[in-house]
Protein backbone atom coordinates (compact mmCIF):
# COMPACT_ATOMS: atom_id res chain seq x y z
CA MET A 1 9.08 34.86 -21.42
CA ARG A 2 12.74 34.55 -20.76
CA PRO A 3 12.30 34.20 -16.94
CA LEU A 4 9.60 31.61 -17.49
CA ILE A 5 11.90 29.55 -19.78
CA LEU A 6 14.71 29.59 -17.30
CA SER A 7 12.27 28.69 -14.42
CA LEU A 8 11.05 25.74 -16.41
CA LEU A 9 14.62 24.77 -17.20
CA SER A 10 15.48 24.74 -13.51
CA ILE A 11 12.54 22.47 -12.86
CA ILE A 12 13.63 20.05 -15.47
CA LEU A 13 17.27 20.04 -14.25
CA VAL A 14 16.67 19.74 -10.72
CA VAL A 15 14.13 16.79 -10.70
CA PRO A 16 16.85 14.45 -12.25
CA ILE A 17 19.50 15.79 -9.56
CA LEU A 18 16.89 14.87 -6.71
CA ALA A 19 15.92 11.51 -8.02
CA ARG A 20 19.55 10.31 -8.89
CA PRO A 21 20.07 7.09 -6.78
CA GLN A 22 22.83 6.60 -4.47
CA ASP A 23 24.18 3.39 -3.14
CA SER A 24 22.66 1.62 -0.19
CA HIS A 25 23.12 -1.85 1.06
CA ILE A 26 20.43 -4.26 2.27
CA ALA A 27 21.94 -6.36 5.37
CA GLY A 28 21.07 -7.56 8.84
CA ASN A 29 21.88 -5.65 11.90
CA ARG A 30 25.64 -5.87 11.42
CA TYR A 31 27.46 -4.80 8.18
CA ASP A 32 30.96 -3.85 7.24
CA GLY A 33 32.15 -4.02 10.93
CA GLU A 34 29.36 -1.95 12.37
CA GLU A 35 26.15 -2.82 13.94
CA VAL A 36 22.81 -0.82 14.43
CA THR A 37 22.29 1.19 17.48
CA CYS A 38 18.84 0.10 18.09
CA ASP A 39 18.69 -3.67 17.61
CA LEU A 40 15.08 -4.20 18.00
CA PRO A 41 14.46 -8.18 17.87
CA VAL A 42 12.81 -9.07 14.49
CA ASP A 43 9.82 -10.52 16.14
CA GLN A 44 9.17 -6.91 17.27
CA HIS A 45 9.32 -5.40 13.71
CA ILE A 46 5.80 -4.36 12.62
CA LYS A 47 4.89 -4.87 8.90
CA ASN A 48 2.91 -1.85 7.36
CA ILE A 49 -0.55 -2.36 6.56
CA GLY A 50 -3.45 -0.29 4.96
CA SER A 51 -6.11 1.49 7.00
CA HIS A 52 -9.18 -0.36 7.68
CA ARG A 53 -11.09 2.75 6.86
CA ASP A 54 -9.70 3.94 3.47
CA GLY A 55 -6.80 1.56 2.71
CA ALA A 56 -4.03 4.32 2.88
CA GLY A 57 -0.89 3.31 4.45
CA MET A 58 -0.22 3.24 7.99
CA CYS A 59 3.63 3.58 7.74
CA VAL A 60 3.78 6.59 10.27
CA MET A 61 2.31 4.69 13.16
CA SER A 62 3.92 1.47 12.40
CA SER A 63 7.22 3.40 12.75
CA VAL A 64 5.91 5.06 15.68
CA GLU A 65 4.85 1.88 17.56
CA MET A 66 8.18 0.17 16.67
CA ALA A 67 10.14 3.12 18.26
CA ALA A 68 7.76 2.68 21.30
CA ARG A 69 8.60 -0.94 21.59
CA TRP A 70 12.27 -0.32 21.51
CA ASP A 71 11.62 2.24 24.44
CA GLY A 72 9.77 -0.43 26.26
CA LEU A 73 6.49 1.50 26.24
CA GLU A 74 4.13 -1.36 26.51
CA ASP A 75 1.03 0.89 26.88
CA TYR A 76 1.65 1.76 23.14
CA ARG A 77 1.58 -1.67 21.78
CA GLY A 78 -1.54 -1.70 19.61
CA LEU A 79 -1.14 1.93 18.81
CA ARG A 80 -1.03 1.31 15.07
CA ASP A 81 -3.77 -1.10 14.86
CA TRP A 82 -6.00 1.55 17.05
CA CYS A 83 -5.02 4.22 14.48
CA ALA A 84 -5.77 2.00 11.59
CA ASN A 85 -9.40 2.29 12.27
CA GLU A 86 -9.20 5.84 11.12
CA PRO A 87 -8.03 7.10 7.63
CA GLY A 88 -4.41 6.34 6.89
CA GLY A 89 -1.62 8.63 6.05
CA ALA A 90 -0.29 10.93 8.57
CA TYR A 91 1.47 14.47 9.22
CA PRO A 92 2.75 16.05 12.55
CA GLN A 93 -0.42 17.68 13.62
CA LYS A 94 -2.48 14.32 13.14
CA VAL A 95 0.29 12.27 15.11
CA ASP A 96 -0.33 14.90 18.07
CA ASP A 97 -3.98 14.38 17.99
CA GLN A 98 -3.89 10.62 17.47
CA LEU A 99 -1.39 10.31 20.33
CA ARG A 100 -3.48 12.54 22.68
CA ARG A 101 -6.68 10.62 22.06
CA TYR A 102 -5.12 7.27 22.13
CA ALA A 103 -3.71 8.19 25.61
CA GLN A 104 -6.92 9.61 26.95
CA THR A 105 -8.69 6.45 25.82
CA ARG A 106 -6.25 4.10 27.77
CA GLY A 107 -6.30 6.45 30.69
CA LEU A 108 -2.41 7.17 30.27
CA SER A 109 -0.46 10.37 31.08
CA ALA A 110 0.20 12.67 28.24
CA PRO A 111 2.96 10.99 26.10
CA LEU A 112 6.52 12.39 25.85
CA TYR A 113 7.72 12.92 22.47
CA PHE A 114 9.41 15.47 20.11
CA GLN A 115 8.56 16.18 16.48
CA TYR A 116 10.95 18.22 14.18
CA THR A 117 10.18 19.62 10.99
CA GLY A 118 12.85 21.50 9.00
CA ASP A 119 15.79 21.49 6.76
CA ASP A 120 18.73 20.53 9.10
CA PRO A 121 17.90 17.36 11.19
CA GLU A 122 21.62 16.12 11.25
CA ALA A 123 22.09 17.27 14.89
CA LEU A 124 18.93 15.86 16.16
CA LEU A 125 19.71 12.56 14.35
CA GLU A 126 23.24 12.60 16.21
CA LEU A 127 21.68 13.12 19.49
CA ILE A 128 18.86 10.44 19.06
CA ASP A 129 21.53 7.99 18.22
CA LYS A 130 23.89 9.11 21.10
CA THR A 131 21.17 8.59 23.63
CA GLY A 132 20.17 5.27 22.12
CA ARG A 133 16.65 6.05 20.86
CA MET A 134 15.18 5.16 17.80
CA ALA A 135 14.16 7.72 15.24
CA CYS A 136 11.23 7.81 12.97
CA PHE A 137 11.35 10.14 9.71
CA ALA A 138 9.75 10.80 6.54
CA TYR A 139 11.73 9.05 3.65
CA GLY A 140 11.48 10.18 0.15
CA TYR A 141 13.39 7.57 -1.88
CA SER A 142 14.89 3.98 -1.94
CA PRO A 143 15.85 1.89 -4.79
CA ARG A 144 13.45 -0.85 -3.05
CA TYR A 145 10.67 1.00 -4.71
CA GLY A 146 11.73 0.81 -8.15
CA GLY A 147 13.38 4.12 -8.34
CA GLY A 148 10.78 6.84 -8.19
CA ALA A 149 10.18 9.21 -5.26
CA ILE A 150 7.90 7.99 -2.34
CA ASN A 151 5.96 9.38 0.53
CA HIS A 152 6.88 7.14 3.47
CA MET A 153 8.06 7.04 7.09
CA VAL A 154 10.56 4.74 8.38
CA CYS A 155 12.62 3.90 11.59
CA GLY A 156 16.18 4.99 11.86
CA VAL A 157 18.10 2.65 13.66
CA LYS A 158 21.75 3.96 13.60
CA TYR A 159 23.28 7.34 12.81
CA SER A 160 26.83 6.92 13.87
CA GLY A 161 30.08 5.74 12.60
CA ARG A 162 30.36 5.35 8.82
CA TYR A 163 26.64 4.58 8.20
CA ALA A 164 23.00 5.63 8.75
CA VAL A 165 20.61 2.67 8.79
CA VAL A 166 16.86 2.47 7.97
CA LEU A 167 14.37 -0.12 9.22
CA ASP A 168 11.64 0.09 6.81
CA ASN A 169 8.10 -1.24 7.94
CA ASN A 170 7.49 -2.52 4.40
CA PHE A 171 10.61 -4.78 4.60
CA PRO A 172 10.71 -5.95 8.39
CA GLY A 173 13.61 -8.28 9.21
CA THR A 174 16.21 -6.55 7.23
CA TYR A 175 18.13 -3.04 7.19
CA GLU A 176 19.18 -0.56 4.57
CA TRP A 177 22.65 0.92 5.17
CA MET A 178 23.87 3.96 3.49
CA SER A 179 26.10 7.09 4.22
CA HIS A 180 24.76 9.81 6.48
CA ALA A 181 24.74 12.32 3.37
CA GLU A 182 22.57 9.61 1.46
CA LEU A 183 20.26 9.33 4.21
CA LEU A 184 19.79 13.20 4.45
CA ARG A 185 19.24 13.47 0.70
CA ARG A 186 16.54 11.08 0.84
CA MET A 187 14.86 12.73 3.95
CA LYS A 188 14.55 15.94 1.96
CA LEU A 189 12.80 14.38 -0.95
CA ALA A 190 9.04 13.68 -1.45
CA ALA A 191 6.80 12.54 -4.26
CA GLY A 192 5.06 15.59 -5.68
CA PHE A 193 2.39 15.65 -8.42
CA GLY A 194 2.68 12.55 -10.69
CA GLY A 195 5.11 11.02 -8.45
CA ARG A 196 7.72 13.41 -9.35
CA PRO A 197 10.28 14.16 -6.76
CA VAL A 198 10.32 17.37 -4.97
CA LYS A 199 12.24 19.18 -2.13
CA SER A 200 10.70 18.73 1.19
CA PRO A 201 11.11 19.79 4.77
CA THR A 202 12.33 16.97 6.77
CA TRP A 203 9.98 15.37 9.65
CA VAL A 204 11.36 13.47 12.73
CA PHE A 205 9.55 11.87 15.51
CA VAL A 206 11.39 10.54 18.67
CA TRP A 207 9.99 9.25 22.02
CA LEU A 208 11.67 11.08 25.15
CA ASP A 209 11.16 8.20 27.34
CA ALA A 210 14.59 6.33 28.34
CA PRO A 211 15.49 3.51 25.85
CA PRO A 212 16.57 0.29 27.19
CA PRO A 213 20.13 -0.69 27.80
CA PRO A 214 22.05 -1.96 24.83
CA ILE A 215 21.49 -5.60 24.01
CA PRO A 216 24.50 -7.64 24.90
CA HIS A 217 26.48 -9.47 22.00
CA ASN A 218 28.38 -12.48 22.52
């Protein structure tokens, strides 16, 4: 019984640590002397919807289409709504399948993108930011959702300087600023049984087409 008791204690102790909120700040595309890398115009932000088939959230394809818009991939405008005719929710293999079938129905060449799942996404996030691309990644916590763990996908529009910045498709027009460490912490969380926070591998999606030049600022 002693190993079982120790195991249960470790779960009880780990859950509050995983769920412990850290600071983040809601602001616009500039905050504390820094600005986002991917300044997608607000009128191009997509608000999350439920699938027309089963009502489940379309956060993955909402994020993926916003990243496509940033890259100027006009052939993928309407991707989220096309996918919304199928059951909602997504995972890497489903994204592969939906993008393949969407391209086929539109007569497009195979889409160029990369997906990563694992425990160490930091170098990839740095490269995405350095090359001016918009990341999409699974996100397991935000104080905007009342303090509990979530299963959600958002866009990463900055991972340089002092801040990492999230564009959340449930809150278009605003940005959530936080430290790099805090973003990584949130990316490694998910909502388990009963909504309890659990450790999770990170999941990152990025289009490989060249991004547009930076938007000039006066």
